[in-house]
Amino acid sequence: MTAFGNYSYAQNIKFIQITDSHFSKNSTEYTQREVENSEKFLDNTLQDINSIKNVDFVVFTGDNIDTANEIDLKAFLQKANKLKVPYYIVIGNHEVFKSQNFTKKDYMKIVRRHSRCCKPWGANYVFKKNGFTFIVVDGAKEVIPGPSGYYKKATLSWLDKKLTQYENENVIILQHFPVEAPYYNRTHSTYKVQDYQAVLKKHHNVIAIVSGHYHANGEIKKDGIYHISTPALVEYPHNFKIIEIVQKNKKDVQIYTQLRHAQ
């Protein structure tokens, strides 16, 4: 369990991050046994989450499905709809591919139609819970997919405007590709990450950035921001992460994290 402090007033919140579930009915990357396990461990995890008390929401931070296709996404959402709490969706690098006629627009259209609670009009969106502002930031590439993320100038401009709009609130960013990676991996690194970092330096309201992608656990505080990375659900020991933000007083916010595998 890890904790850190910051400023600003807000209520307490408890949410769960699931990342890199790589759900698939028929994957070319994983064996048939791994495909079956991707469904098994997702089912077990969702059932376990429904037994945890006082959860405000769940966020799936990308690579929710293993390959870009409508059938798997619909099946994934059907399972996610079994959650007793609201959930939110982030796009990962495995999930969209324009040349296969499965763009981000297609992806989010299916999410809006088939999710019981997640209805954003785009891959970048904002929602609020318990006095906190959550910003979902998309860094997936759909034209030439690959393991590296890329936060386009238009996306970073949008993020800059949102951070200005919510400058007096505590902001948590939810995304697939980390700004501060849990370890070095040249092929998975975020392209021109310094442009993203430049936006963050202009503002002082981001208290945490929650990411996936690296299939690894990592937590580091840098420039007042707590960077949280979480392992892949699809891989042993099939962990997800419970994140609690506790407001001690008007100038003290604590963030606690706990890895958990389905009970």
Protein backbone atom coordinates (compact mmCIF):
# COMPACT_ATOMS: atom_id res chain seq x y z
CA MET A 1 0.00 0.00 0.00
CA THR A 2 1.27 3.44 -0.93
CA ALA A 3 0.19 6.92 0.09
CA PHE A 4 1.07 10.53 -0.64
CA GLY A 5 -0.26 13.98 0.22
CA ASN A 6 -1.31 17.07 -1.70
CA TYR A 7 -3.64 20.05 -1.32
CA SER A 8 -7.22 21.12 -2.04
CA TYR A 9 -10.54 20.14 -0.55
CA ALA A 10 -12.64 17.20 -1.74
CA GLN A 11 -14.59 14.27 -0.45
CA ASN A 12 -13.33 10.70 -0.23
CA ILE A 13 -13.55 8.31 -3.15
CA LYS A 14 -12.78 4.65 -3.83
CA PHE A 15 -12.47 3.26 -7.34
CA ILE A 16 -11.00 0.23 -9.07
CA GLN A 17 -8.68 0.09 -12.05
CA ILE A 18 -8.68 -2.88 -14.40
CA THR A 19 -6.19 -2.71 -17.23
CA ASP A 20 -5.01 -4.85 -20.15
CA SER A 21 -7.60 -7.58 -19.82
CA HIS A 22 -7.01 -8.42 -23.52
CA PHE A 23 -10.39 -10.09 -23.66
CA SER A 24 -10.84 -12.16 -26.80
CA LYS A 25 -12.95 -14.88 -28.29
CA ASN A 26 -10.30 -15.67 -30.90
CA SER A 27 -6.82 -14.17 -30.57
CA THR A 28 -3.86 -14.59 -32.94
CA GLU A 29 -1.39 -13.49 -30.24
CA TYR A 30 -2.49 -15.73 -27.38
CA THR A 31 -3.00 -19.50 -27.27
CA GLN A 32 -6.51 -20.95 -27.05
CA ARG A 33 -5.95 -21.62 -23.36
CA GLU A 34 -4.92 -18.00 -22.80
CA VAL A 35 -8.00 -16.85 -24.73
CA GLU A 36 -10.21 -18.94 -22.46
CA ASN A 37 -8.37 -17.60 -19.42
CA SER A 38 -8.90 -14.00 -20.53
CA GLU A 39 -12.62 -14.61 -20.20
CA LYS A 40 -12.31 -16.62 -17.00
CA PHE A 41 -10.22 -14.06 -15.15
CA LEU A 42 -12.37 -11.17 -16.35
CA ASP A 43 -15.48 -12.95 -15.10
CA ASN A 44 -13.86 -13.77 -11.76
CA THR A 45 -12.61 -10.21 -11.35
CA LEU A 46 -15.96 -8.60 -12.05
CA GLN A 47 -17.67 -10.99 -9.65
CA ASP A 48 -15.10 -10.19 -6.97
CA ILE A 49 -15.48 -6.44 -7.48
CA ASN A 50 -19.21 -6.76 -6.93
CA SER A 51 -18.42 -8.14 -3.47
CA ILE A 52 -16.21 -5.17 -2.45
CA LYS A 53 -17.99 -2.55 -0.40
CA ASN A 54 -18.15 1.19 -1.03
CA VAL A 55 -16.74 1.19 -4.57
CA ASP A 56 -17.72 4.36 -6.46
CA PHE A 57 -16.78 3.20 -9.96
CA VAL A 58 -14.52 1.01 -12.08
CA VAL A 59 -12.26 2.19 -14.90
CA PHE A 60 -10.90 -0.07 -17.66
CA THR A 61 -7.68 1.65 -18.76
CA GLY A 62 -7.20 0.18 -22.20
CA ASP A 63 -6.44 -3.02 -24.12
CA ASN A 64 -9.79 -4.16 -22.85
CA ILE A 65 -10.04 -6.39 -25.93
CA ASP A 66 -7.07 -8.00 -27.64
CA THR A 67 -7.82 -7.18 -31.27
CA ALA A 68 -9.83 -4.46 -32.98
CA ASN A 69 -13.24 -5.97 -33.69
CA GLU A 70 -16.89 -5.33 -32.92
CA ILE A 71 -17.77 -8.83 -31.71
CA ASP A 72 -15.24 -8.88 -28.88
CA LEU A 73 -16.03 -5.33 -27.79
CA LYS A 74 -19.75 -6.08 -27.55
CA ALA A 75 -19.01 -9.25 -25.58
CA PHE A 76 -16.67 -7.33 -23.28
CA LEU A 77 -19.29 -4.65 -22.60
CA GLN A 78 -21.90 -7.31 -21.92
CA LYS A 79 -19.66 -8.62 -19.16
CA ALA A 80 -18.83 -5.14 -17.84
CA ASN A 81 -22.55 -4.42 -17.60
CA LYS A 82 -22.73 -7.00 -14.80
CA LEU A 83 -20.89 -4.59 -12.50
CA LYS A 84 -23.06 -3.12 -9.76
CA VAL A 85 -21.31 0.25 -10.00
CA PRO A 86 -20.72 2.62 -12.93
CA TYR A 87 -17.71 1.97 -15.15
CA TYR A 88 -15.69 4.00 -17.64
CA ILE A 89 -13.70 3.01 -20.72
CA VAL A 90 -10.26 4.03 -22.01
CA ILE A 91 -8.96 2.92 -25.44
CA GLY A 92 -5.67 1.00 -25.67
CA ASN A 93 -3.31 0.26 -28.56
CA HIS A 94 -4.75 -3.19 -29.29
CA GLU A 95 -8.31 -2.00 -29.80
CA VAL A 96 -8.55 0.23 -32.86
CA PHE A 97 -7.23 -0.15 -36.40
CA LYS A 98 -8.47 2.14 -39.16
CA SER A 99 -7.45 -0.12 -42.06
CA GLN A 100 -9.62 -2.85 -40.53
CA ASN A 101 -12.56 -0.44 -40.43
CA PHE A 102 -12.55 -0.21 -36.65
CA THR A 103 -11.75 3.37 -35.71
CA LYS A 104 -12.01 5.19 -32.42
CA LYS A 105 -15.30 6.62 -33.63
CA ASP A 106 -16.57 3.09 -34.27
CA TYR A 107 -15.28 1.92 -30.90
CA MET A 108 -16.94 4.69 -28.91
CA LYS A 109 -20.17 4.35 -30.87
CA ILE A 110 -20.39 0.71 -29.78
CA VAL A 111 -19.57 1.70 -26.19
CA ARG A 112 -22.40 4.25 -26.18
CA ARG A 113 -24.87 1.77 -27.63
CA HIS A 114 -24.02 -1.27 -25.53
CA SER A 115 -22.71 0.05 -22.23
CA ARG A 116 -25.36 0.53 -19.57
CA CYS A 117 -23.56 3.56 -18.10
CA CYS A 118 -20.55 4.77 -20.15
CA LYS A 119 -21.87 7.15 -22.83
CA PRO A 120 -19.09 9.57 -23.91
CA TRP A 121 -19.15 10.98 -27.43
CA GLY A 122 -15.40 10.78 -27.87
CA ALA A 123 -12.31 9.00 -26.60
CA ASN A 124 -11.38 12.10 -24.55
CA TYR A 125 -13.96 13.00 -21.93
CA VAL A 126 -14.56 14.23 -18.39
CA PHE A 127 -16.66 12.98 -15.51
CA LYS A 128 -16.99 13.97 -11.87
CA LYS A 129 -17.35 11.93 -8.71
CA ASN A 130 -17.48 13.01 -5.06
CA GLY A 131 -15.96 16.41 -5.74
CA PHE A 132 -13.09 15.08 -7.87
CA THR A 133 -12.71 15.66 -11.61
CA PHE A 134 -11.61 12.69 -13.74
CA ILE A 135 -10.21 13.32 -17.22
CA VAL A 136 -9.91 10.43 -19.69
CA VAL A 137 -7.09 11.11 -22.16
CA ASP A 138 -6.67 9.06 -25.33
CA GLY A 139 -3.22 8.26 -26.70
CA ALA A 140 -3.96 5.32 -29.01
CA LYS A 141 -2.95 5.31 -32.67
CA GLU A 142 -5.50 4.02 -35.17
CA VAL A 143 -3.75 4.59 -38.52
CA ILE A 144 -0.46 2.82 -37.82
CA PRO A 145 -1.10 0.88 -34.59
CA GLY A 146 1.81 -0.11 -32.44
CA PRO A 147 2.91 -0.44 -28.83
CA SER A 148 3.96 3.19 -28.43
CA GLY A 149 1.41 5.79 -27.40
CA TYR A 150 1.01 9.22 -28.97
CA TYR A 151 -0.91 12.10 -27.42
CA LYS A 152 -1.64 14.31 -30.41
CA LYS A 153 -1.32 18.09 -30.29
CA ALA A 154 -5.10 18.42 -30.49
CA THR A 155 -5.49 16.07 -27.53
CA LEU A 156 -2.92 17.94 -25.45
CA SER A 157 -4.56 21.26 -26.34
CA TRP A 158 -7.89 19.84 -25.18
CA LEU A 159 -6.27 18.60 -21.96
CA ASP A 160 -4.68 22.01 -21.37
CA LYS A 161 -8.08 23.68 -21.69
CA LYS A 162 -9.73 21.20 -19.34
CA LEU A 163 -7.02 21.61 -16.71
CA THR A 164 -7.57 25.37 -16.93
CA GLN A 165 -11.34 24.92 -16.69
CA TYR A 166 -10.98 22.81 -13.54
CA GLU A 167 -8.02 24.67 -12.05
CA ASN A 168 -9.65 24.89 -8.61
CA GLU A 169 -10.46 21.19 -8.39
CA ASN A 170 -8.46 18.03 -7.73
CA VAL A 171 -7.97 16.24 -11.06
CA ILE A 172 -7.17 12.57 -11.70
CA ILE A 173 -6.19 11.63 -15.25
CA LEU A 174 -7.09 8.17 -16.56
CA GLN A 175 -5.24 6.86 -19.64
CA HIS A 176 -3.59 3.82 -21.19
CA PHE A 177 -0.08 5.08 -21.91
CA PRO A 178 1.88 6.37 -18.89
CA VAL A 179 3.72 9.66 -18.74
CA GLU A 180 6.17 8.16 -16.23
CA ALA A 181 6.73 4.53 -17.20
CA PRO A 182 7.27 1.85 -14.53
CA TYR A 183 10.39 0.72 -16.40
CA TYR A 184 12.23 1.52 -19.63
CA ASN A 185 10.93 -0.13 -22.79
CA ARG A 186 11.90 1.54 -26.05
CA THR A 187 9.08 0.05 -28.12
CA HIS A 188 6.38 0.89 -25.54
CA SER A 189 7.50 4.41 -24.69
CA THR A 190 5.16 7.34 -25.28
CA TYR A 191 6.08 9.37 -28.37
CA LYS A 192 7.05 12.97 -27.59
CA VAL A 193 6.14 12.50 -23.95
CA GLN A 194 7.89 15.81 -23.22
CA ASP A 195 4.97 17.63 -24.89
CA TYR A 196 2.58 16.04 -22.41
CA GLN A 197 4.90 16.88 -19.52
CA ALA A 198 5.00 20.51 -20.65
CA VAL A 199 1.21 20.72 -20.32
CA LEU A 200 1.33 19.24 -16.82
CA LYS A 201 3.93 21.78 -15.71
CA LYS A 202 1.54 24.63 -16.53
CA HIS A 203 -0.98 23.42 -13.98
CA HIS A 204 -1.07 22.47 -10.32
CA ASN A 205 -4.37 20.62 -9.98
CA VAL A 206 -3.42 17.13 -11.19
CA ILE A 207 -2.94 14.88 -8.18
CA ALA A 208 -2.65 11.53 -9.98
CA ILE A 209 -2.32 9.89 -13.40
CA VAL A 210 -3.55 6.29 -13.62
CA SER A 211 -2.23 4.19 -16.52
CA GLY A 212 -1.79 0.64 -17.83
CA HIS A 213 0.00 -0.63 -20.97
CA TYR A 214 3.28 -1.84 -19.43
CA HIS A 215 1.77 -4.91 -17.73
CA ALA A 216 3.69 -3.91 -14.62
CA ASN A 217 3.13 -2.34 -11.23
CA GLY A 218 4.78 1.00 -10.64
CA GLU A 219 4.09 4.06 -8.53
CA ILE A 220 6.14 7.21 -8.38
CA LYS A 221 5.52 10.78 -7.27
CA LYS A 222 7.03 13.44 -9.53
CA ASP A 223 6.43 17.19 -9.44
CA GLY A 224 3.52 16.69 -7.07
CA ILE A 225 1.76 14.13 -9.29
CA TYR A 226 1.34 10.50 -8.29
CA HIS A 227 1.87 8.25 -11.33
CA ILE A 228 0.14 4.89 -10.93
CA SER A 229 0.77 1.92 -13.26
CA THR A 230 -1.03 -1.39 -12.84
CA PRO A 231 -0.26 -4.93 -14.08
CA ALA A 232 -2.24 -6.64 -16.85
CA LEU A 233 -5.30 -8.57 -15.77
CA VAL A 234 -4.63 -11.15 -18.50
CA GLU A 235 -1.27 -12.16 -17.02
CA TYR A 236 -0.47 -14.02 -13.79
CA PRO A 237 -1.24 -13.20 -10.98
CA HIS A 238 -4.21 -11.44 -12.69
CA ASN A 239 -4.26 -8.34 -10.52
CA PHE A 240 -6.44 -5.27 -10.50
CA LYS A 241 -5.96 -2.22 -8.30
CA ILE A 242 -8.09 -0.57 -5.64
CA ILE A 243 -7.42 3.16 -5.39
CA GLU A 244 -8.70 5.26 -2.50
CA ILE A 245 -8.38 9.02 -2.22
CA VAL A 246 -8.92 10.26 1.32
CA GLN A 247 -9.29 13.93 2.17
CA LYS A 248 -7.74 14.43 5.62
CA ASN A 249 -8.36 18.17 5.77
CA LYS A 250 -8.50 21.11 3.37
CA LYS A 251 -4.75 20.90 2.66
CA ASP A 252 -4.13 17.18 2.90
CA VAL A 253 -5.22 14.58 0.32
CA GLN A 254 -3.94 11.01 0.66
CA ILE A 255 -3.93 8.39 -2.10
CA TYR A 256 -3.85 4.72 -1.13
CA THR A 257 -3.44 1.83 -3.58
CA GLN A 258 -3.79 -1.91 -3.17
CA LEU A 259 -3.20 -4.70 -5.68
CA ARG A 260 -5.77 -7.48 -5.53
CA HIS A 261 -6.51 -10.63 -7.50
CA ALA A 262 -9.97 -12.11 -7.79
CA GLN A 263 -10.91 -13.96 -4.64
